Protein backbone atom coordinates (compact mmCIF):
# COMPACT_ATOMS: atom_id res chain seq x y z
CA MET A 1 2.20 -3.24 -4.06
CA THR A 2 -1.14 -1.66 -4.73
CA LYS A 3 -1.67 2.01 -5.32
CA GLN A 4 -4.77 4.12 -5.50
CA VAL A 5 -4.99 7.42 -7.36
CA VAL A 6 -6.56 10.27 -5.41
CA PHE A 7 -8.56 12.85 -7.34
CA SER A 8 -10.38 15.77 -5.74
CA GLU A 9 -12.81 17.77 -7.87
CA GLU A 10 -12.38 20.65 -5.39
CA ALA A 11 -8.61 20.90 -5.89
CA ASN A 12 -6.80 22.35 -8.88
CA PRO A 13 -6.83 19.80 -11.69
CA PRO A 14 -3.54 17.99 -12.23
CA LEU A 15 -1.71 17.98 -15.52
CA PRO A 16 -2.05 14.65 -17.35
CA ILE A 17 1.50 13.65 -16.41
CA TYR A 18 0.91 13.25 -12.65
CA SER A 19 -1.77 12.49 -10.04
CA GLN A 20 -2.88 14.84 -7.28
CA ALA A 21 -1.92 12.13 -4.80
CA ILE A 22 -1.28 8.41 -4.55
CA ILE A 23 -2.22 6.11 -1.68
CA SER A 24 -0.03 3.09 -1.06
CA GLY A 25 -0.84 1.07 2.02
CA LYS A 26 -1.76 3.64 4.65
CA THR A 27 0.48 6.37 3.22
CA ILE A 28 -0.68 9.28 1.05
CA TYR A 29 1.87 10.96 -1.20
CA VAL A 30 0.54 14.38 -2.23
CA SER A 31 2.07 16.02 -5.29
CA GLY A 32 3.49 19.50 -5.03
CA SER A 33 1.07 22.43 -5.11
CA ILE A 34 2.05 25.91 -6.24
CA GLY A 35 0.14 29.13 -5.62
CA ILE A 36 -2.20 29.06 -8.59
CA ASP A 37 -5.93 29.20 -9.21
CA ARG A 38 -7.99 26.63 -11.11
CA GLU A 39 -7.05 28.31 -14.43
CA PHE A 40 -3.33 27.78 -13.68
CA LYS A 41 -2.70 31.48 -13.08
CA LEU A 42 -0.48 32.59 -10.18
CA VAL A 43 -2.47 34.19 -7.39
CA PRO A 44 -1.53 37.83 -6.81
CA GLY A 45 0.02 38.90 -3.53
CA GLY A 46 3.47 37.32 -3.45
CA VAL A 47 4.76 34.41 -1.44
CA GLN A 48 2.19 34.66 1.35
CA ALA A 49 -0.78 34.51 -1.01
CA GLN A 50 0.88 31.72 -2.98
CA THR A 51 1.60 29.80 0.24
CA ARG A 52 -2.03 30.09 1.25
CA ALA A 53 -3.23 28.93 -2.19
CA ALA A 54 -0.80 25.99 -2.21
CA LEU A 55 -1.81 24.88 1.29
CA ASP A 56 -5.52 25.29 0.49
CA ASN A 57 -5.07 23.10 -2.58
CA MET A 58 -3.10 20.53 -0.59
CA THR A 59 -5.89 20.50 2.01
CA LYS A 60 -8.49 19.79 -0.69
CA ILE A 61 -6.41 16.90 -2.01
CA LEU A 62 -6.03 15.47 1.48
CA LYS A 63 -9.80 15.75 1.94
CA GLY A 64 -10.21 13.80 -1.30
CA ALA A 65 -8.08 11.06 0.29
CA GLY A 66 -10.31 11.08 3.38
CA VAL A 67 -8.05 12.94 5.83
CA ASP A 68 -7.26 16.47 6.99
CA ARG A 69 -4.00 18.31 7.68
CA SER A 70 -3.62 16.58 11.05
CA ALA A 71 -2.67 13.42 9.09
CA VAL A 72 0.36 15.12 7.51
CA LEU A 73 3.64 13.56 8.63
CA LYS A 74 6.12 15.47 6.46
CA CYS A 75 6.12 18.52 4.20
CA ASN A 76 8.70 19.62 1.69
CA VAL A 77 8.68 23.32 0.85
CA PHE A 78 10.52 24.74 -2.14
CA LEU A 79 11.20 28.50 -2.36
CA THR A 80 12.76 30.41 -5.24
CA ASN A 81 14.02 33.12 -2.85
CA LEU A 82 14.78 31.37 0.42
CA LYS A 83 16.44 34.37 2.06
CA GLN A 84 13.57 36.77 1.32
CA ASP A 85 10.57 34.45 1.53
CA PHE A 86 11.36 32.04 4.39
CA ALA A 87 9.93 34.20 7.20
CA PRO A 88 6.79 35.40 5.32
CA MET A 89 6.06 31.84 4.18
CA ASN A 90 6.40 30.60 7.78
CA GLU A 91 3.85 33.15 9.00
CA VAL A 92 1.21 31.60 6.72
CA TYR A 93 2.43 28.01 7.15
CA GLN A 94 2.03 28.30 10.92
CA GLU A 95 -1.66 29.22 10.47
CA TYR A 96 -2.22 25.85 8.78
CA PHE A 97 -0.18 23.81 11.29
CA PRO A 98 -0.58 25.70 14.59
CA LYS A 99 -0.08 22.69 16.88
CA ASP A 100 2.20 19.67 16.53
CA PRO A 101 3.38 20.61 13.01
CA PRO A 102 4.69 17.89 10.72
CA ALA A 103 8.35 17.30 10.03
CA ARG A 104 9.49 19.65 7.29
CA THR A 105 12.29 20.43 4.88
CA CYS A 106 12.58 23.83 3.19
CA ILE A 107 14.81 24.07 0.15
CA GLY A 108 15.88 27.00 -2.01
CA VAL A 109 15.47 26.28 -5.73
CA ALA A 110 16.37 28.12 -8.93
CA ALA A 111 12.88 28.10 -10.45
CA LEU A 112 9.39 26.60 -10.11
CA PRO A 113 6.63 25.96 -12.66
CA LEU A 114 4.77 29.02 -13.98
CA GLY A 115 7.19 31.33 -12.17
CA ALA A 116 5.77 30.41 -8.74
CA ASP A 117 7.56 31.55 -5.58
CA ILE A 118 6.70 28.39 -3.62
CA GLU A 119 5.76 24.73 -4.00
CA ILE A 120 4.64 22.44 -1.18
CA GLU A 121 4.27 18.67 -1.16
CA CYS A 122 3.48 16.33 1.69
CA ILE A 123 3.25 12.78 2.94
CA ALA A 124 0.28 11.89 5.13
CA GLU A 125 -1.14 8.77 6.75
CA LEU A 126 -4.58 7.22 6.65
CA PRO A 127 -6.14 6.44 10.04
C-alpha cells in the first residue's frame, strides 16, 4: 500500500499528530474539520457558522488533493447537540451539496475539540 499526505496551505493547519488528508489508491480520506479559524479559535455564530467554516476548510483540503466537493462519496458529521443543531446544520450543509449529495452519517457526541458544536470528515475519490 502506498499513501500520499495531502497538505493545503489554504486550509487550517493540522496539528502535528495528524494529516489534513491521506490519499491511498484513488481514495482521499479527509480528517475532521471543526468550525475554527486559522488561529484555532471557534468562529462566532453557532452551529451554522461552524458548519460553514468546517465545510470551507474541507473544501480547501479537497482542492489540495486535486478535487472538489463533487468527488465526495461519504461524510460523517458529529454534533454535540443533535436534537438542537441537526436542522440548522442541514440548512448550511445543503448549500454545499445541493445536488446528488454524498452518503452521510450524523452522530451525536458528548464533546468535540475546542468546544466545537460540529465536526465533519469525508471520503472522496480521485478521477
